[in-house]
Amino acid sequence: MAVTGASGALGTALLRALHGQGAELIALTTASAPVALQDGEGRTIPLRQVVWCCGEEQKLEASLRDVDILVINHGVNVYGDRSAAAVARSLEVNALSAWRLLELFLSLEERPAGTPCREVWVNTSEAELLPALSPLYEISKRLLGQLLSLRTLDRQGENPCRIRRLVLGPFRSALNPYGVMGADFVAGQVIAQARRGLGLIIVTPNPVTVVLVPLQMALRRLYGLLFSRAGA
């Protein structure tokens, strides 16, 4: 399994949780510092670290070719900054980079019939629907969510790559030091829901999100089916 944003709070929590499930790990990070993790007993978690840059997603193709599950989790929060540079950075990191990485993974050679299909998990966050007190974070995450909704309308051959959407409420991290949930708790809930076969994974203390997000996804799907078509 490969996880982007591997040096962040949720990225490291997901890597630890996935290690507990027996996964072989690839930590995809834009940070040059080593991603060094330990399990609950203080033992070093084996992983392969790959350093990459937003805008150079194509260079990850070789690293992703044998990956069963890719978790697209990287992001940036510029808070109240609305400068041109902040707009460009938010859109590039939160939406366009994630979209390019999604398309790259979906374009990889299909698995032989009878083997498990690939999966990609995309963290769009609760900001896709509700205010996050950061306008550019909300705009960029909503753009990613809209693109993801359109992409999930298409099937990729006879053995398609499954897309799961992660809608996560506020958890404590460098992006949000005031989050009410712990990253380890969120990671555990994500994996638990994925093991139950859910394609829409919601982890939040807000009951409004639990009610409105499935409705929003259903309306988007209907709208996309009515007013868009698959490419050649």
Protein backbone atom coordinates (compact mmCIF):
# COMPACT_ATOMS: atom_id res chain seq x y z
CA MET A 1 0.00 0.00 0.00
CA ALA A 2 1.14 3.54 -0.75
CA VAL A 3 0.12 6.65 1.20
CA THR A 4 0.70 10.26 0.14
CA GLY A 5 1.12 12.91 2.80
CA ALA A 6 3.04 10.22 4.66
CA SER A 7 4.87 12.62 6.95
CA GLY A 8 1.66 14.28 8.20
CA ALA A 9 -0.43 13.28 11.20
CA LEU A 10 -3.00 11.20 9.29
CA GLY A 11 -0.41 9.81 6.90
CA THR A 12 1.73 8.40 9.70
CA ALA A 13 -1.36 7.14 11.54
CA LEU A 14 -2.57 5.33 8.42
CA LEU A 15 0.85 3.77 7.88
CA ARG A 16 0.92 2.46 11.45
CA ALA A 17 -2.61 1.12 11.19
CA LEU A 18 -1.96 -0.51 7.80
CA HIS A 19 1.20 -2.10 9.18
CA GLY A 20 -0.99 -3.65 11.86
CA GLN A 21 -3.05 -5.21 9.04
CA GLY A 22 0.07 -6.78 7.53
CA ALA A 23 0.48 -4.39 4.60
CA GLU A 24 3.78 -3.69 2.87
CA LEU A 25 4.15 0.08 2.97
CA ILE A 26 5.33 2.83 0.64
CA ALA A 27 5.48 6.29 2.20
CA LEU A 28 5.03 8.97 -0.47
CA THR A 29 6.13 12.33 0.91
CA THR A 30 7.19 15.74 -0.34
CA ALA A 31 9.40 16.15 2.75
CA SER A 32 13.05 15.17 2.59
CA ALA A 33 13.20 14.13 6.26
CA PRO A 34 13.03 10.34 6.77
CA VAL A 35 9.64 8.88 7.70
CA ALA A 36 10.58 6.78 10.74
CA LEU A 37 7.70 5.01 12.49
CA GLN A 38 7.43 2.60 15.39
CA ASP A 39 4.68 0.20 16.35
CA GLY A 40 3.06 -0.03 19.76
CA GLU A 41 5.96 -2.12 21.08
CA GLY A 42 8.64 0.32 19.96
CA ARG A 43 9.80 -1.70 16.95
CA THR A 44 10.66 0.09 13.72
CA ILE A 45 8.02 -0.29 11.04
CA PRO A 46 9.57 -1.34 7.72
CA LEU A 47 8.61 0.87 4.81
CA ARG A 48 9.96 2.31 1.58
CA GLN A 49 10.05 6.09 1.38
CA VAL A 50 9.62 7.84 -1.97
CA VAL A 51 10.14 11.60 -2.13
CA TRP A 52 8.14 13.37 -4.83
CA CYS A 53 6.92 16.84 -5.81
CA CYS A 54 3.44 18.05 -6.76
CA GLY A 55 3.39 18.50 -10.52
CA GLU A 56 5.66 15.50 -11.07
CA GLU A 57 3.11 12.77 -10.44
CA GLN A 58 4.08 10.89 -13.60
CA LYS A 59 7.46 10.10 -12.05
CA LEU A 60 5.65 7.90 -9.50
CA GLU A 61 4.39 5.46 -12.13
CA ALA A 62 7.15 2.92 -11.55
CA SER A 63 6.64 3.05 -7.77
CA LEU A 64 2.88 2.56 -8.10
CA ARG A 65 2.87 -0.22 -10.70
CA ASP A 66 2.78 -3.02 -8.11
CA VAL A 67 0.70 -1.16 -5.50
CA ASP A 68 -2.66 -2.70 -4.59
CA ILE A 69 -4.07 0.30 -2.70
CA LEU A 70 -3.13 3.96 -3.06
CA VAL A 71 -4.27 6.46 -0.41
CA ILE A 72 -4.30 10.04 -1.75
CA ASN A 73 -4.03 12.03 1.43
CA HIS A 74 -1.70 15.00 0.87
CA GLY A 75 -2.95 18.54 1.30
CA VAL A 76 -2.18 22.08 2.39
CA ASN A 77 -4.11 24.69 4.36
CA VAL A 78 -3.31 28.38 3.79
CA TYR A 79 -5.96 29.42 6.35
CA GLY A 80 -7.06 33.03 5.71
CA ASP A 81 -4.51 33.86 3.02
CA ARG A 82 -6.25 34.76 -0.25
CA SER A 83 -3.26 35.98 -2.25
CA ALA A 84 -2.70 34.78 -5.80
CA ALA A 85 0.12 32.55 -4.57
CA ALA A 86 -2.16 31.00 -1.94
CA VAL A 87 -4.87 30.34 -4.54
CA ALA A 88 -2.39 28.66 -6.87
CA ARG A 89 -0.86 26.56 -4.09
CA SER A 90 -4.21 25.42 -2.70
CA LEU A 91 -5.59 24.40 -6.08
CA GLU A 92 -2.36 22.70 -7.12
CA VAL A 93 -1.79 20.64 -3.97
CA ASN A 94 -5.32 19.90 -2.78
CA ALA A 95 -7.08 19.38 -6.10
CA LEU A 96 -4.98 19.20 -9.27
CA SER A 97 -2.11 17.11 -7.89
CA ALA A 98 -4.56 14.66 -6.31
CA TRP A 99 -6.54 14.47 -9.57
CA ARG A 100 -3.40 13.79 -11.64
CA LEU A 101 -2.30 11.09 -9.22
CA LEU A 102 -5.77 9.52 -9.35
CA GLU A 103 -5.70 9.47 -13.16
CA LEU A 104 -2.20 8.01 -13.18
CA PHE A 105 -3.22 5.16 -10.88
CA LEU A 106 -6.39 4.46 -12.87
CA SER A 107 -4.36 4.30 -16.09
CA LEU A 108 -2.05 1.53 -14.86
CA GLU A 109 -2.31 -1.84 -16.54
CA GLU A 110 -5.32 -3.83 -15.37
CA ARG A 111 -4.89 -6.88 -13.20
CA PRO A 112 -5.55 -10.33 -14.69
CA ALA A 113 -9.09 -11.63 -14.27
CA GLY A 114 -9.61 -13.37 -10.95
CA THR A 115 -7.09 -11.29 -9.02
CA PRO A 116 -8.10 -8.55 -6.55
CA CYS A 117 -8.67 -5.21 -8.22
CA ARG A 118 -6.67 -2.15 -7.29
CA GLU A 119 -8.14 0.43 -4.97
CA VAL A 120 -7.60 4.17 -4.55
CA TRP A 121 -8.76 5.98 -1.42
CA VAL A 122 -9.15 9.76 -1.80
CA ASN A 123 -9.31 12.05 1.22
CA THR A 124 -11.61 14.94 0.26
CA SER A 125 -12.39 15.91 3.89
CA GLU A 126 -15.51 17.29 5.49
CA ALA A 127 -14.62 20.67 3.94
CA GLU A 128 -16.07 19.29 0.73
CA LEU A 129 -19.48 20.04 2.25
CA LEU A 130 -19.14 22.18 5.40
CA PRO A 131 -17.17 25.32 6.31
CA ALA A 132 -13.60 24.77 7.48
CA LEU A 133 -12.82 28.42 8.39
CA SER A 134 -10.41 28.43 5.45
CA PRO A 135 -12.04 29.50 2.17
CA LEU A 136 -9.32 28.27 -0.18
CA TYR A 137 -9.14 24.92 1.59
CA GLU A 138 -12.89 24.54 1.11
CA ILE A 139 -12.78 25.59 -2.56
CA SER A 140 -9.92 23.25 -3.45
CA LYS A 141 -11.40 20.28 -1.60
CA ARG A 142 -14.79 20.84 -3.21
CA LEU A 143 -13.14 20.91 -6.63
CA LEU A 144 -11.44 17.61 -5.86
CA GLY A 145 -14.74 16.19 -4.66
CA GLN A 146 -16.55 17.25 -7.83
CA LEU A 147 -13.85 15.72 -10.05
CA LEU A 148 -13.93 12.53 -8.03
CA SER A 149 -17.71 12.28 -8.34
CA LEU A 150 -17.46 12.51 -12.13
CA ARG A 151 -14.64 9.97 -12.25
CA THR A 152 -16.56 7.41 -10.22
CA LEU A 153 -19.18 7.27 -12.96
CA ASP A 154 -16.73 5.45 -15.24
CA ARG A 155 -15.71 1.82 -15.01
CA GLN A 156 -12.21 0.80 -15.97
CA GLY A 157 -12.64 -2.38 -17.99
CA GLU A 158 -13.68 -5.77 -16.65
CA ASN A 159 -11.56 -5.54 -13.51
CA PRO A 160 -11.96 -1.87 -12.48
CA CYS A 161 -9.99 0.00 -9.88
CA ARG A 162 -12.27 0.69 -6.93
CA ILE A 163 -12.49 4.28 -5.71
CA ARG A 164 -13.27 5.00 -2.06
CA ARG A 165 -13.97 8.51 -0.80
CA LEU A 166 -12.77 9.53 2.69
CA VAL A 167 -14.85 12.32 4.23
CA LEU A 168 -13.07 13.13 7.48
CA GLY A 169 -14.01 15.60 10.19
CA PRO A 170 -11.55 17.76 12.12
CA PHE A 171 -8.63 15.80 13.55
CA ARG A 172 -5.51 17.16 15.23
CA SER A 173 -2.66 17.78 12.80
CA ALA A 174 -0.26 20.48 11.63
CA LEU A 175 -3.02 21.69 9.31
CA ASN A 176 -5.56 21.81 12.15
CA PRO A 177 -4.09 21.88 15.67
CA TYR A 178 -7.59 22.37 17.10
CA GLY A 179 -9.12 19.18 15.70
CA VAL A 180 -11.37 17.27 18.08
CA MET A 181 -10.34 13.77 16.95
CA GLY A 182 -6.99 12.02 17.15
CA ALA A 183 -5.32 10.97 13.90
CA ASP A 184 -4.85 7.39 15.15
CA PHE A 185 -8.56 7.13 15.92
CA VAL A 186 -9.46 8.43 12.46
CA ALA A 187 -7.05 6.03 10.75
CA GLY A 188 -8.50 3.10 12.67
CA GLN A 189 -12.04 4.07 11.69
CA VAL A 190 -11.05 4.46 8.03
CA ILE A 191 -9.59 0.97 7.89
CA ALA A 192 -12.49 -0.55 9.84
CA GLN A 193 -15.02 0.91 7.39
CA ALA A 194 -12.95 -0.14 4.39
CA ARG A 195 -12.84 -3.70 5.74
CA ARG A 196 -16.65 -3.59 5.88
CA GLY A 197 -16.68 -2.83 2.17
CA LEU A 198 -17.86 0.79 2.32
CA GLY A 199 -17.06 3.01 -0.64
CA LEU A 200 -18.06 6.22 1.17
CA ILE A 201 -16.10 6.37 4.41
CA ILE A 202 -17.21 9.07 6.86
CA VAL A 203 -15.41 9.73 10.15
CA THR A 204 -16.76 12.75 12.00
CA PRO A 205 -18.45 13.72 15.26
CA ASN A 206 -20.91 15.84 13.25
CA PRO A 207 -24.21 14.03 12.55
CA VAL A 208 -25.08 16.61 9.87
CA THR A 209 -22.22 15.31 7.73
CA VAL A 210 -23.37 11.72 8.11
CA VAL A 211 -26.82 12.66 6.80
CA LEU A 212 -25.96 15.21 4.11
CA VAL A 213 -22.88 13.68 2.45
CA PRO A 214 -24.63 10.51 1.14
CA LEU A 215 -27.46 12.71 -0.16
CA GLN A 216 -24.99 15.04 -1.84
CA MET A 217 -23.18 12.11 -3.45
CA ALA A 218 -26.43 10.69 -4.80
CA LEU A 219 -27.46 14.04 -6.30
CA ARG A 220 -24.04 14.53 -7.85
CA ARG A 221 -24.18 11.07 -9.38
CA LEU A 222 -27.58 11.74 -10.91
CA TYR A 223 -26.48 15.13 -12.22
CA GLY A 224 -23.31 13.66 -13.71
CA LEU A 225 -25.17 10.83 -15.41
CA LEU A 226 -27.67 13.27 -16.93
CA PHE A 227 -25.32 16.01 -18.09
CA SER A 228 -21.92 14.42 -18.80
CA ARG A 229 -20.55 11.51 -20.77
CA ALA A 230 -17.50 9.27 -20.61
CA GLY A 231 -14.52 10.12 -22.78
CA ALA A 232 -13.31 7.94 -25.61
